PDB file of N, CA and C in Angstrom:
ATOM      1  N   GLU A   1      -2.036   9.122  -8.112  1.00  0.00           N
ATOM      2  CA  GLU A   1      -2.005   8.577  -9.799  1.00  0.00           C
ATOM      3  C   GLU A   1      -0.599   8.316  -9.643  1.00  0.00           C
ATOM      4  N   MET A   2      -0.613   7.303 -10.360  1.00  0.00           N
ATOM      5  CA  MET A   2       0.582   7.089 -10.652  1.00  0.00           C
ATOM      6  C   MET A   2       0.424   5.841 -11.949  1.00  0.00           C
ATOM      7  N   ALA A   3       2.155   5.904 -12.707  1.00  0.00           N
ATOM      8  CA  ALA A   3       2.154   4.942 -14.090  1.00  0.00           C
ATOM      9  C   ALA A   3       2.794   3.784 -14.260  1.00  0.00           C
ATOM     10  N   PHE A   4       2.453   2.505 -14.122  1.00  0.00           N
ATOM     11  CA  PHE A   4       3.394   1.387 -13.839  1.00  0.00           C
ATOM     12  C   PHE A   4       3.886   0.947 -15.619  1.00  0.00           C
ATOM     13  N   ASP A   5       4.561   1.664 -16.391  1.00  0.00           N
ATOM     14  CA  ASP A   5       5.125   0.795 -17.958  1.00  0.00           C
ATOM     15  C   ASP A   5       3.563   1.345 -18.496  1.00  0.00           C
ATOM     16  N   GLY A   6       2.909   2.408 -18.859  1.00  0.00           N
ATOM     17  CA  GLY A   6       1.499   2.290 -19.551  1.00  0.00           C
ATOM     18  C   GLY A   6       0.959   2.503 -19.052  1.00  0.00           C
ATOM     19  N   THR A   7       0.713   1.717 -16.862  1.00  0.00           N
ATOM     20  CA  THR A   7      -0.658   1.456 -16.833  1.00  0.00           C
ATOM     21  C   THR A   7      -1.060   3.145 -15.793  1.00  0.00           C
ATOM     22  N   VAL A   8      -2.446   2.657 -15.752  1.00  0.00           N
ATOM     23  CA  VAL A   8      -2.348   4.303 -15.208  1.00  0.00           C
ATOM     24  C   VAL A   8      -2.646   3.186 -13.561  1.00  0.00           C
ATOM     25  N   VAL A   9      -2.298   3.842 -12.332  1.00  0.00           N
ATOM     26  CA  VAL A   9      -3.194   3.237 -10.782  1.00  0.00           C
ATOM     27  C   VAL A   9      -3.704   3.979 -10.168  1.00  0.00           C
ATOM     28  N   ARG A  10      -5.093   4.348 -10.146  1.00  0.00           N
ATOM     29  CA  ARG A  10      -5.583   5.726  -9.610  1.00  0.00           C
ATOM     30  C   ARG A  10      -6.161   5.259  -8.002  1.00  0.00           C
ATOM     31  N   GLY A  11      -6.140   5.497  -6.493  1.00  0.00           N
ATOM     32  CA  GLY A  11      -6.765   5.644  -5.920  1.00  0.00           C
ATOM     33  C   GLY A  11      -6.878   7.132  -4.864  1.00  0.00           C
ATOM     34  N   ARG A  12      -7.243   6.545  -3.768  1.00  0.00           N
ATOM     35  CA  ARG A  12      -7.577   7.909  -2.774  1.00  0.00           C
ATOM     36  C   ARG A  12      -7.207   7.540  -1.203  1.00  0.00           C
ATOM     37  N   MET A  13      -5.868   7.810  -1.080  1.00  0.00           N
ATOM     38  CA  MET A  13      -5.576   7.457   0.446  1.00  0.00           C
ATOM     39  C   MET A  13      -6.335   8.347   1.368  1.00  0.00           C
ATOM     40  N   ASP A  14      -6.999   7.482   2.249  1.00  0.00           N
ATOM     41  CA  ASP A  14      -7.291   7.916   3.658  1.00  0.00           C
ATOM     42  C   ASP A  14      -6.518   8.647   4.713  1.00  0.00           C
ATOM     43  N   ALA A  15      -5.533   8.770   4.730  1.00  0.00           N
ATOM     44  CA  ALA A  15      -4.725   9.093   5.776  1.00  0.00           C
ATOM     45  C   ALA A  15      -3.542   9.035   5.241  1.00  0.00           C
ATOM     46  N   VAL A  16      -2.180   9.768   6.071  1.00  0.00           N
ATOM     47  CA  VAL A  16      -0.669   9.274   6.602  1.00  0.00           C
ATOM     48  C   VAL A  16      -0.541  10.229   7.604  1.00  0.00           C
ATOM     49  N   PHE A  17       0.250   9.911   8.078  1.00  0.00           N
ATOM     50  CA  PHE A  17       0.739   9.884   9.820  1.00  0.00           C
ATOM     51  C   PHE A  17       2.089   9.868   9.213  1.00  0.00           C
ATOM     52  N   GLY A  18       2.860  10.571  10.682  1.00  0.00           N
ATOM     53  CA  GLY A  18       4.023  10.437  10.586  1.00  0.00           C
ATOM     54  C   GLY A  18       4.945  11.720  10.190  1.00  0.00           C
ATOM     55  N   SER A  19       5.861  11.481   9.482  1.00  0.00           N
ATOM     56  CA  SER A  19       7.096  12.776   9.305  1.00  0.00           C
ATOM     57  C   SER A  19       8.151  11.684   8.902  1.00  0.00           C
ATOM     58  N   ASP A  20       9.207  13.228   8.146  1.00  0.00           N
ATOM     59  CA  ASP A  20      10.068  12.440   8.041  1.00  0.00           C
ATOM     60  C   ASP A  20      11.013  12.198   8.609  1.00  0.00           C
ATOM     61  N   ALA A  21      11.376  12.387   9.493  1.00  0.00           N
ATOM     62  CA  ALA A  21      12.328  12.229  10.907  1.00  0.00           C
ATOM     63  C   ALA A  21      11.715  10.661  10.943  1.00  0.00           C
ATOM     64  N   ASP A  22      11.029  10.738  11.613  1.00  0.00           N
ATOM     65  CA  ASP A  22      10.131   9.471  12.373  1.00  0.00           C
ATOM     66  C   ASP A  22       9.396   8.433  10.912  1.00  0.00           C
ATOM     67  N   GLY A  23       9.309   8.634   9.398  1.00  0.00           N
ATOM     68  CA  GLY A  23       8.796   7.447   9.081  1.00  0.00           C
ATOM     69  C   GLY A  23       7.348   7.857   8.507  1.00  0.00           C
ATOM     70  N   TRP A  24       6.636   7.205   7.778  1.00  0.00           N
ATOM     71  CA  TRP A  24       4.933   7.397   7.355  1.00  0.00           C
ATOM     72  C   TRP A  24       4.066   6.234   7.696  1.00  0.00           C
ATOM     73  N   LEU A  25       3.068   6.490   8.118  1.00  0.00           N
ATOM     74  CA  LEU A  25       2.152   5.529   7.931  1.00  0.00           C
ATOM     75  C   LEU A  25       0.593   5.861   6.859  1.00  0.00           C
ATOM     76  N   VAL A  26       0.940   5.296   5.958  1.00  0.00           N
ATOM     77  CA  VAL A  26      -0.257   5.692   5.304  1.00  0.00           C
ATOM     78  C   VAL A  26      -1.888   4.417   5.587  1.00  0.00           C
ATOM     79  N   VAL A  27      -2.554   5.136   6.028  1.00  0.00           N
ATOM     80  CA  VAL A  27      -3.768   4.723   6.398  1.00  0.00           C
ATOM     81  C   VAL A  27      -4.498   4.355   5.763  1.00  0.00           C
ATOM     82  N   ASP A  28      -5.833   3.097   5.166  1.00  0.00           N
ATOM     83  CA  ASP A  28      -6.712   3.561   4.645  1.00  0.00           C
ATOM     84  C   ASP A  28      -7.856   2.939   5.667  1.00  0.00           C
ATOM     85  N   TRP A  29      -8.874   3.331   5.763  1.00  0.00           N
ATOM     86  CA  TRP A  29     -10.212   2.831   6.783  1.00  0.00           C
ATOM     87  C   TRP A  29     -10.954   2.475   6.197  1.00  0.00           C
ATOM     88  N   LYS A  30     -11.782   1.131   6.486  1.00  0.00           N
ATOM     89  CA  LYS A  30     -12.771   0.624   6.077  1.00  0.00           C
ATOM     90  C   LYS A  30     -13.245  -0.043   6.737  1.00  0.00           C
ATOM     91  N   THR A  31     -14.764   0.047   5.777  1.00  0.00           N
ATOM     92  CA  THR A  31     -16.641  -0.089   6.942  1.00  0.00           C
ATOM     93  C   THR A  31     -16.911  -1.656   6.821  1.00  0.00           C
ATOM     94  N   GLY A  32     -15.953  -2.367   6.112  1.00  0.00           N
ATOM     95  CA  GLY A  32     -16.676  -3.723   6.439  1.00  0.00           C
ATOM     96  C   GLY A  32     -15.555  -4.711   6.963  1.00  0.00           C
ATOM     97  N   ALA A  33     -15.902  -6.124   6.794  1.00  0.00           N
ATOM     98  CA  ALA A  33     -15.553  -7.038   7.809  1.00  0.00           C
ATOM     99  C   ALA A  33     -14.317  -7.042   7.578  1.00  0.00           C
ATOM    100  N   LYS A  34     -13.456  -7.624   7.959  1.00  0.00           N
ATOM    101  CA  LYS A  34     -11.553  -8.084   7.113  1.00  0.00           C
ATOM    102  C   LYS A  34     -11.426  -9.623   7.001  1.00  0.00           C
ATOM    103  N   PRO A  35     -11.228  -9.053   5.772  1.00  0.00           N
ATOM    104  CA  PRO A  35     -10.953 -10.534   4.937  1.00  0.00           C
ATOM    105  C   PRO A  35      -9.570 -10.990   5.440  1.00  0.00           C
ATOM    106  N   THR A  36      -9.443 -12.559   5.378  1.00  0.00           N
ATOM    107  CA  THR A  36      -8.731 -14.147   5.457  1.00  0.00           C
ATOM    108  C   THR A  36      -8.205 -13.764   4.423  1.00  0.00           C
ATOM    109  N   GLY A  37      -7.606 -14.734   4.417  1.00  0.00           N
ATOM    110  CA  GLY A  37      -6.588 -15.624   3.086  1.00  0.00           C
ATOM    111  C   GLY A  37      -6.285 -14.743   2.025  1.00  0.00           C
ATOM    112  N   ALA A  38      -6.372 -15.488   1.115  1.00  0.00           N
ATOM    113  CA  ALA A  38      -6.710 -14.654  -0.022  1.00  0.00           C
ATOM    114  C   ALA A  38      -7.240 -13.601  -0.573  1.00  0.00           C
ATOM    115  N   ALA A  39      -8.011 -13.003   0.343  1.00  0.00           N
ATOM    116  CA  ALA A  39      -9.360 -12.220  -0.258  1.00  0.00           C
ATOM    117  C   ALA A  39      -7.919 -10.881   1.033  1.00  0.00           C
ATOM    118  N   ALA A  40      -7.248 -11.381   2.190  1.00  0.00           N
ATOM    119  CA  ALA A  40      -6.423 -10.204   2.205  1.00  0.00           C
ATOM    120  C   ALA A  40      -5.222  -9.960   2.171  1.00  0.00           C
ATOM    121  N   ASP A  41      -4.660 -10.947   1.510  1.00  0.00           N
ATOM    122  CA  ASP A  41      -3.670 -10.792   0.475  1.00  0.00           C
ATOM    123  C   ASP A  41      -3.976  -9.942  -0.986  1.00  0.00           C
ATOM    124  N   ALA A  42      -4.884 -10.117  -1.715  1.00  0.00           N
ATOM    125  CA  ALA A  42      -5.527  -9.079  -2.992  1.00  0.00           C
ATOM    126  C   ALA A  42      -5.769  -7.371  -1.716  1.00  0.00           C
ATOM    127  N   ALA A  43      -6.110  -7.506  -0.655  1.00  0.00           N
ATOM    128  CA  ALA A  43      -6.170  -6.387  -0.636  1.00  0.00           C
ATOM    129  C   ALA A  43      -5.158  -5.886  -0.362  1.00  0.00           C
ATOM    130  N   ALA A  44      -3.974  -6.169   0.486  1.00  0.00           N
ATOM    131  CA  ALA A  44      -2.761  -5.593   0.460  1.00  0.00           C
ATOM    132  C   ALA A  44      -1.999  -5.131  -0.691  1.00  0.00           C
ATOM    133  N   ILE A  45      -2.484  -5.788  -1.815  1.00  0.00           N
ATOM    134  CA  ILE A  45      -2.055  -5.076  -3.061  1.00  0.00           C
ATOM    135  C   ILE A  45      -2.533  -3.439  -3.068  1.00  0.00           C
ATOM    136  N   GLN A  46      -3.655  -2.654  -2.847  1.00  0.00           N
ATOM    137  CA  GLN A  46      -4.252  -1.369  -2.430  1.00  0.00           C
ATOM    138  C   GLN A  46      -3.148  -1.063  -1.597  1.00  0.00           C
ATOM    139  N   LEU A  47      -3.228  -1.489  -0.724  1.00  0.00           N
ATOM    140  CA  LEU A  47      -2.084  -1.123   0.596  1.00  0.00           C
ATOM    141  C   LEU A  47       0.008  -0.581   0.084  1.00  0.00           C
ATOM    142  N   ALA A  48      -0.113  -1.656  -1.680  1.00  0.00           N
ATOM    143  CA  ALA A  48       1.288  -1.028  -1.484  1.00  0.00           C
ATOM    144  C   ALA A  48       0.790  -0.193  -2.644  1.00  0.00           C
ATOM    145  N   ALA A  49       0.388  -0.179  -3.497  1.00  0.00           N
ATOM    146  CA  ALA A  49      -0.012   0.800  -4.318  1.00  0.00           C
ATOM    147  C   ALA A  49       0.362   2.410  -3.623  1.00  0.00           C
ATOM    148  N   TYR A  50      -0.666   2.663  -2.348  1.00  0.00           N
ATOM    149  CA  TYR A  50      -1.128   3.579  -1.889  1.00  0.00           C
ATOM    150  C   TYR A  50       0.846   4.102  -0.977  1.00  0.00           C
ATOM    151  N   ARG A  51       1.039   3.053  -0.441  1.00  0.00           N
ATOM    152  CA  ARG A  51       2.485   3.232   0.101  1.00  0.00           C
ATOM    153  C   ARG A  51       3.647   3.677  -0.833  1.00  0.00           C
ATOM    154  N   LEU A  52       3.523   3.160  -2.251  1.00  0.00           N
ATOM    155  CA  LEU A  52       4.725   3.799  -2.886  1.00  0.00           C
ATOM    156  C   LEU A  52       4.012   4.800  -3.386  1.00  0.00           C
ATOM    157  N   ALA A  53       2.936   5.619  -3.982  1.00  0.00           N
ATOM    158  CA  ALA A  53       2.340   6.865  -4.277  1.00  0.00           C
ATOM    159  C   ALA A  53       2.587   7.693  -3.144  1.00  0.00           C
ATOM    160  N   TRP A  54       2.658   7.300  -2.060  1.00  0.00           N
ATOM    161  CA  TRP A  54       3.160   7.788  -0.674  1.00  0.00           C
ATOM    162  C   TRP A  54       4.424   8.442  -0.549  1.00  0.00           C
ATOM    163  N   ALA A  55       5.448   7.546  -0.954  1.00  0.00           N
ATOM    164  CA  ALA A  55       7.155   7.274  -1.466  1.00  0.00           C
ATOM    165  C   ALA A  55       7.213   8.605  -2.123  1.00  0.00           C
ATOM    166  N   ARG A  56       6.229   8.302  -3.553  1.00  0.00           N
ATOM    167  CA  ARG A  56       6.696   9.212  -4.757  1.00  0.00           C
ATOM    168  C   ARG A  56       5.979  11.132  -3.991  1.00  0.00           C
ATOM    169  N   LEU A  57       5.175  11.345  -3.915  1.00  0.00           N
ATOM    170  CA  LEU A  57       4.793  12.496  -3.310  1.00  0.00           C
ATOM    171  C   LEU A  57       5.489  12.824  -2.610  1.00  0.00           C
ATOM    172  N   ALA A  58       6.534  11.702  -1.700  1.00  0.00           N
ATOM    173  CA  ALA A  58       7.436  12.384  -0.431  1.00  0.00           C
ATOM    174  C   ALA A  58       8.419  12.751  -0.866  1.00  0.00           C
ATOM    175  N   GLY A  59       9.108  12.388  -2.370  1.00  0.00           N
ATOM    176  CA  GLY A  59      10.133  12.370  -2.365  1.00  0.00           C
ATOM    177  C   GLY A  59      11.085  11.284  -1.667  1.00  0.00           C
ATOM    178  N   ILE A  60      10.739  10.093  -1.543  1.00  0.00           N
ATOM    179  CA  ILE A  60      11.199   8.858  -1.357  1.00  0.00           C
ATOM    180  C   ILE A  60      11.719   8.335  -1.899  1.00  0.00           C
ATOM    181  N   GLY A  61      13.388   8.168  -1.890  1.00  0.00           N
ATOM    182  CA  GLY A  61      13.822   6.912  -3.159  1.00  0.00           C
ATOM    183  C   GLY A  61      13.084   5.654  -2.901  1.00  0.00           C
ATOM    184  N   ASP A  62      12.791   4.902  -4.115  1.00  0.00           N
ATOM    185  CA  ASP A  62      13.030   3.232  -3.974  1.00  0.00           C
ATOM    186  C   ASP A  62      14.260   2.731  -2.642  1.00  0.00           C
ATOM    187  N   ASP A  63      15.334   3.253  -2.285  1.00  0.00           N
ATOM    188  CA  ASP A  63      15.953   2.914  -1.717  1.00  0.00           C
ATOM    189  C   ASP A  63      15.634   3.170  -0.001  1.00  0.00           C
ATOM    190  N   GLN A  64      14.824   3.941   0.521  1.00  0.00           N
ATOM    191  CA  GLN A  64      14.348   4.534   1.579  1.00  0.00           C
ATOM    192  C   GLN A  64      13.069   3.861   1.487  1.00  0.00           C
ATOM    193  N   LEU A  65      12.040   3.261   1.063  1.00  0.00           N
ATOM    194  CA  LEU A  65      11.355   2.342   0.943  1.00  0.00           C
ATOM    195  C   LEU A  65      10.411   2.099   2.016  1.00  0.00           C
ATOM    196  N   HIS A  66      11.500   1.560   2.854  1.00  0.00           N
ATOM    197  CA  HIS A  66      10.694   0.559   4.498  1.00  0.00           C
ATOM    198  C   HIS A  66      10.486   2.022   4.782  1.00  0.00           C
ATOM    199  N   ARG A  67      11.070   3.079   5.128  1.00  0.00           N
ATOM    200  CA  ARG A  67      10.529   4.854   6.104  1.00  0.00           C
ATOM    201  C   ARG A  67       8.813   4.506   6.217  1.00  0.00           C
ATOM    202  N   VAL A  68       8.030   3.893   4.744  1.00  0.00           N
ATOM    203  CA  VAL A  68       6.435   4.174   4.519  1.00  0.00           C
ATOM    204  C   VAL A  68       6.103   3.085   4.626  1.00  0.00           C
ATOM    205  N   ARG A  69       5.285   2.545   6.004  1.00  0.00           N
ATOM    206  CA  ARG A  69       4.197   1.352   6.369  1.00  0.00           C
ATOM    207  C   ARG A  69       2.894   1.790   5.923  1.00  0.00           C
ATOM    208  N   ALA A  70       2.452   0.615   5.653  1.00  0.00           N
ATOM    209  CA  ALA A  70       0.440   1.185   5.465  1.00  0.00           C
ATOM    210  C   ALA A  70      -0.653   0.315   6.149  1.00  0.00           C
ATOM    211  N   ALA A  71      -1.028   0.529   6.399  1.00  0.00           N
ATOM    212  CA  ALA A  71      -2.437  -0.416   6.985  1.00  0.00           C
ATOM    213  C   ALA A  71      -3.505   0.010   7.146  1.00  0.00           C
ATOM    214  N   PHE A  72      -4.343  -1.029   6.719  1.00  0.00           N
ATOM    215  CA  PHE A  72      -6.060  -0.981   7.143  1.00  0.00           C
ATOM    216  C   PHE A  72      -6.700  -0.834   8.691  1.00  0.00           C
ATOM    217  N   HIS A  73      -7.573  -0.042   8.643  1.00  0.00           N
ATOM    218  CA  HIS A  73      -7.704  -0.267   9.492  1.00  0.00           C
ATOM    219  C   HIS A  73      -9.687  -0.326   9.826  1.00  0.00           C
ATOM    220  N   TYR A  74      -9.632  -1.205  10.462  1.00  0.00           N
ATOM    221  CA  TYR A  74     -11.481  -1.838   9.880  1.00  0.00           C
ATOM    222  C   TYR A  74     -12.180  -1.230  10.894  1.00  0.00           C
ATOM    223  N   VAL A  75     -12.791  -0.420  10.354  1.00  0.00           N
ATOM    224  CA  VAL A  75     -13.554   1.028  11.716  1.00  0.00           C
ATOM    225  C   VAL A  75     -14.327  -0.205  12.663  1.00  0.00           C
ATOM    226  N   ARG A  76     -15.239  -1.242  11.957  1.00  0.00           N
ATOM    227  CA  ARG A  76     -16.314  -2.099  13.227  1.00  0.00           C
ATOM    228  C   ARG A  76     -15.648  -2.802  13.821  1.00  0.00           C
ATOM    229  N   SER A  77     -14.588  -3.129  13.671  1.00  0.00           N
ATOM    230  CA  SER A  77     -14.078  -3.913  15.033  1.00  0.00           C
ATOM    231  C   SER A  77     -12.876  -3.422  15.920  1.00  0.00           C
ATOM    232  N   ASN A  78     -12.954  -2.098  14.646  1.00  0.00           N
ATOM    233  CA  ASN A  78     -11.383  -1.217  15.782  1.00  0.00           C
ATOM    234  C   ASN A  78     -10.541  -1.971  15.674  1.00  0.00           C
ATOM    235  N   ASP A  79      -9.985  -2.526  14.749  1.00  0.00           N
ATOM    236  CA  ASP A  79      -8.885  -3.409  14.543  1.00  0.00           C
ATOM    237  C   ASP A  79      -7.679  -3.597  13.278  1.00  0.00           C
ATOM    238  N   THR A  80      -6.238  -2.552  13.449  1.00  0.00           N
ATOM    239  CA  THR A  80      -5.614  -2.083  13.024  1.00  0.00           C
ATOM    240  C   THR A  80      -4.109  -2.928  12.343  1.00  0.00           C
ATOM    241  N   VAL A  81      -4.834  -3.555  10.482  1.00  0.00           N
ATOM    242  CA  VAL A  81      -3.546  -4.458  10.087  1.00  0.00           C
ATOM    243  C   VAL A  81      -3.138  -4.229   8.966  1.00  0.00           C
ATOM    244  N   GLU A  82      -1.758  -4.147   9.874  1.00  0.00           N
ATOM    245  CA  GLU A  82      -0.492  -3.010   9.143  1.00  0.00           C
ATOM    246  C   GLU A  82       0.600  -4.571   8.181  1.00  0.00           C
ATOM    247  N   PRO A  83       0.292  -4.955   7.227  1.00  0.00           N
ATOM    248  CA  PRO A  83       1.005  -6.081   5.985  1.00  0.00           C
ATOM    249  C   PRO A  83       2.394  -6.167   6.019  1.00  0.00           C
ATOM    250  N   VAL A  84       3.120  -6.844   6.604  1.00  0.00           N
ATOM    251  CA  VAL A  84       4.664  -6.543   6.374  1.00  0.00           C
ATOM    252  C   VAL A  84       5.046  -6.900   5.048  1.00  0.00           C
ATOM    253  N   ALA A  85       4.645  -7.956   4.376  1.00  0.00           N
ATOM    254  CA  ALA A  85       5.784  -8.038   3.350  1.00  0.00           C
ATOM    255  C   ALA A  85       4.904  -7.467   1.820  1.00  0.00           C
ATOM    256  N   LEU A  86       4.744  -6.124   1.835  1.00  0.00           N
ATOM    257  CA  LEU A  86       3.680  -5.324   0.535  1.00  0.00           C
ATOM    258  C   LEU A  86       5.009  -5.181  -0.538  1.00  0.00           C
ATOM    259  N   LEU A  87       4.180  -5.575  -2.113  1.00  0.00           N
ATOM    260  CA  LEU A  87       5.033  -5.325  -3.109  1.00  0.00           C
ATOM    261  C   LEU A  87       5.614  -3.817  -3.203  1.00  0.00           C
ATOM    262  N   ASP A  88       7.075  -4.293  -3.936  1.00  0.00           N
ATOM    263  CA  ASP A  88       7.775  -3.201  -3.797  1.00  0.00           C
ATOM    264  C   ASP A  88       7.599  -2.217  -5.516  1.00  0.00           C
ATOM    265  N   ALA A  89       7.832  -1.263  -5.973  1.00  0.00           N
ATOM    266  CA  ALA A  89       7.244  -1.136  -7.510  1.00  0.00           C
ATOM    267  C   ALA A  89       7.921  -2.077  -8.686  1.00  0.00           C
ATOM    268  N   ASP A  90       8.810  -2.838  -8.180  1.00  0.00           N
ATOM    269  CA  ASP A  90       9.066  -4.220  -9.098  1.00  0.00           C
ATOM    270  C   ASP A  90       7.756  -5.401  -8.758  1.00  0.00           C
ATOM    271  N   GLY A  91       7.741  -5.447  -7.658  1.00  0.00           N
ATOM    272  CA  GLY A  91       6.836  -5.871  -7.483  1.00  0.00           C
ATOM    273  C   GLY A  91       5.185  -6.073  -8.470  1.00  0.00           C
ATOM    274  N   LEU A  92       4.416  -4.265  -7.940  1.00  0.00           N
ATOM    275  CA  LEU A  92       3.632  -4.368  -8.295  1.00  0.00           C
ATOM    276  C   LEU A  92       3.609  -4.319 -10.353  1.00  0.00           C
ATOM    277  N   ARG A  93       4.962  -4.172 -10.978  1.00  0.00           N
ATOM    278  CA  ARG A  93       5.117  -3.579 -12.603  1.00  0.00           C
ATOM    279  C   ARG A  93       5.239  -5.642 -12.914  1.00  0.00           C
ATOM    280  N   ALA A  94       5.459  -6.526 -12.089  1.00  0.00           N
ATOM    281  CA  ALA A  94       5.163  -7.928 -12.079  1.00  0.00           C
ATOM    282  C   ALA A  94       4.373  -7.698 -12.357  1.00  0.00           C
ATOM    283  N   LEU A  95       3.240  -7.741 -11.118  1.00  0.00           N
ATOM    284  CA  LEU A  95       1.338  -7.886 -11.162  1.00  0.00           C
ATOM    285  C   LEU A  95       1.161  -7.428 -12.498  1.00  0.00           C
ATOM    286  N   ILE A  96       1.312  -6.024 -12.930  1.00  0.00           N
ATOM    287  CA  ILE A  96       0.013  -5.866 -13.750  1.00  0.00           C
ATOM    288  C   ILE A  96       0.587  -6.438 -14.561  1.00  0.00           C
ATOM    289  N   ALA A  97       1.463  -7.038 -14.940  1.00  0.00           N
ATOM    290  CA  ALA A  97       2.048  -7.444 -16.420  1.00  0.00           C
ATOM    291  C   ALA A  97       1.485  -8.138 -16.207  1.00  0.00           C
ATOM    292  N   GLY A  98       1.296  -9.609 -15.095  1.00  0.00           N
ATOM    293  CA  GLY A  98       1.147 -10.852 -15.225  1.00  0.00           C
ATOM    294  C   GLY A  98       1.891 -11.467 -15.154  1.00  0.00           C
ATOM    295  N   ASP A  99       3.520 -11.100 -14.370  1.00  0.00           N
ATOM    296  CA  ASP A  99       4.436 -12.308 -14.446  1.00  0.00           C
ATOM    297  C   ASP A  99       5.014 -12.594 -12.497  1.00  0.00           C
ATOM    298  N   LEU A 100       4.005 -12.622 -11.770  1.00  0.00           N
ATOM    299  CA  LEU A 100       3.981 -12.806 -11.170  1.00  0.00           C
ATOM    300  C   LEU A 100       3.903 -14.397 -10.778  1.00  0.00           C
ATOM    301  N   PRO A 101       4.527 -15.443 -10.107  1.00  0.00           N
ATOM    302  CA  PRO A 101       4.095 -16.534  -9.526  1.00  0.00           C
ATOM    303  C   PRO A 101       3.488 -16.477  -8.602  1.00  0.00           C
ATOM    304  N   THR A 102       2.727 -17.166  -9.319  1.00  0.00           N
ATOM    305  CA  THR A 102       1.218 -18.116  -8.334  1.00  0.00           C
ATOM    306  C   THR A 102       1.370 -19.006  -7.559  1.00  0.00           C
TER     307      THR A 102
END
Protein backbone atom coordinates (compact mmCIF):
# COMPACT_ATOMS: atom_id res chain seq x y z
CA GLU A 1 0.00 0.00 0.00
CA MET A 2 1.35 3.43 -0.98
CA ALA A 3 -0.06 6.93 -0.98
CA PHE A 4 0.45 9.34 -3.88
CA ASP A 5 -0.69 12.85 -3.00
CA GLY A 6 -3.63 11.55 -0.96
CA THR A 7 -4.56 8.66 -3.27
CA VAL A 8 -3.90 5.23 -1.78
CA VAL A 9 -2.78 2.49 -4.17
CA ARG A 10 -3.08 -1.11 -2.95
CA GLY A 11 -1.78 -4.34 -4.42
CA ARG A 12 -0.12 -7.63 -3.62
CA MET A 13 3.19 -8.69 -5.15
CA ASP A 14 3.50 -12.39 -5.95
CA ALA A 15 7.29 -12.70 -5.60
CA VAL A 16 10.53 -10.77 -5.31
CA PHE A 17 13.87 -12.28 -6.31
CA GLY A 18 17.39 -10.91 -5.86
CA SER A 19 19.47 -9.15 -3.28
CA ASP A 20 20.89 -5.80 -2.23
CA ALA A 21 24.10 -6.71 -4.06
CA ASP A 22 22.57 -7.80 -7.39
CA GLY A 23 19.33 -5.84 -7.58
CA TRP A 24 15.75 -7.02 -7.37
CA LEU A 25 13.11 -8.47 -9.70
CA VAL A 26 9.46 -8.13 -8.67
CA VAL A 27 7.33 -10.78 -10.42
CA ASP A 28 3.57 -10.94 -10.83
CA TRP A 29 2.23 -14.26 -12.10
CA LYS A 30 -0.68 -14.14 -14.55
CA THR A 31 -2.91 -17.04 -15.54
CA GLY A 32 -4.57 -15.32 -18.49
CA ALA A 33 -3.31 -14.58 -21.98
CA LYS A 34 -0.55 -12.02 -22.53
CA PRO A 35 -2.03 -8.63 -23.53
CA THR A 36 -0.79 -6.60 -26.47
CA GLY A 37 -0.80 -2.95 -27.49
CA ALA A 38 -2.65 -0.53 -25.23
CA ALA A 39 -3.72 -3.34 -22.88
CA ALA A 40 -0.07 -4.28 -22.31
CA ASP A 41 0.81 -0.63 -21.67
CA ALA A 42 -2.03 -0.37 -19.13
CA ALA A 43 -0.91 -3.59 -17.40
CA ALA A 44 2.59 -2.17 -16.98
CA ILE A 45 1.16 0.44 -14.60
CA GLN A 46 0.61 -2.37 -12.08
CA LEU A 47 4.27 -3.36 -12.35
CA ALA A 48 5.38 0.26 -11.94
CA ALA A 49 3.43 0.48 -8.68
CA TYR A 50 4.84 -2.85 -7.44
CA ARG A 51 8.38 -1.77 -8.30
CA LEU A 52 8.00 1.47 -6.35
CA ALA A 53 6.39 -0.34 -3.42
CA TRP A 54 9.28 -2.81 -3.21
CA ALA A 55 11.81 0.01 -3.44
CA ARG A 56 10.14 1.77 -0.54
CA LEU A 57 9.93 -1.44 1.52
CA ALA A 58 13.60 -2.21 0.85
CA GLY A 59 14.75 1.36 1.57
CA ILE A 60 15.89 1.95 -2.01
CA GLY A 61 15.87 5.64 -2.91
CA ASP A 62 14.54 7.11 -6.15
CA ASP A 63 18.13 7.60 -7.34
CA GLN A 64 18.63 3.81 -7.16
CA LEU A 65 15.25 2.75 -8.59
CA HIS A 66 17.03 1.22 -11.60
CA ARG A 67 18.13 -1.57 -9.24
CA VAL A 68 14.50 -2.77 -9.02
CA ARG A 69 13.03 -4.40 -12.12
CA ALA A 70 9.54 -5.85 -12.56
CA ALA A 71 8.00 -8.50 -14.80
CA PHE A 72 4.85 -10.45 -15.50
CA HIS A 73 5.15 -14.21 -15.84
CA TYR A 74 2.34 -15.70 -17.94
CA VAL A 75 1.90 -19.21 -16.58
CA ARG A 76 -0.10 -20.61 -19.50
CA SER A 77 2.54 -19.74 -22.11
CA ASN A 78 5.54 -19.87 -19.73
CA ASP A 79 6.52 -16.42 -20.97
CA THR A 80 8.10 -13.69 -18.84
CA VAL A 81 7.64 -10.09 -19.95
CA GLU A 82 9.74 -7.34 -18.42
CA PRO A 83 8.70 -3.89 -19.67
CA VAL A 84 11.69 -1.60 -20.03
CA ALA A 85 10.06 1.81 -19.53
CA LEU A 86 8.08 1.61 -16.29
CA LEU A 87 6.74 4.79 -14.74
CA ASP A 88 8.64 6.22 -11.79
CA ALA A 89 7.00 7.92 -8.79
CA ASP A 90 6.56 11.20 -10.66
CA GLY A 91 5.02 9.37 -13.60
CA LEU A 92 2.53 7.53 -11.37
CA ARG A 93 1.62 10.79 -9.63
CA ALA A 94 1.00 12.41 -13.03
CA LEU A 95 -1.12 9.45 -14.15
CA ILE A 96 -3.24 9.57 -10.99
CA ALA A 97 -3.66 13.33 -11.38
CA GLY A 98 -4.60 12.94 -15.05
CA ASP A 99 -1.59 14.97 -16.16
CA LEU A 100 0.08 12.48 -18.53
CA PRO A 101 0.01 13.33 -22.22
CA THR A 102 -2.11 11.03 -24.37
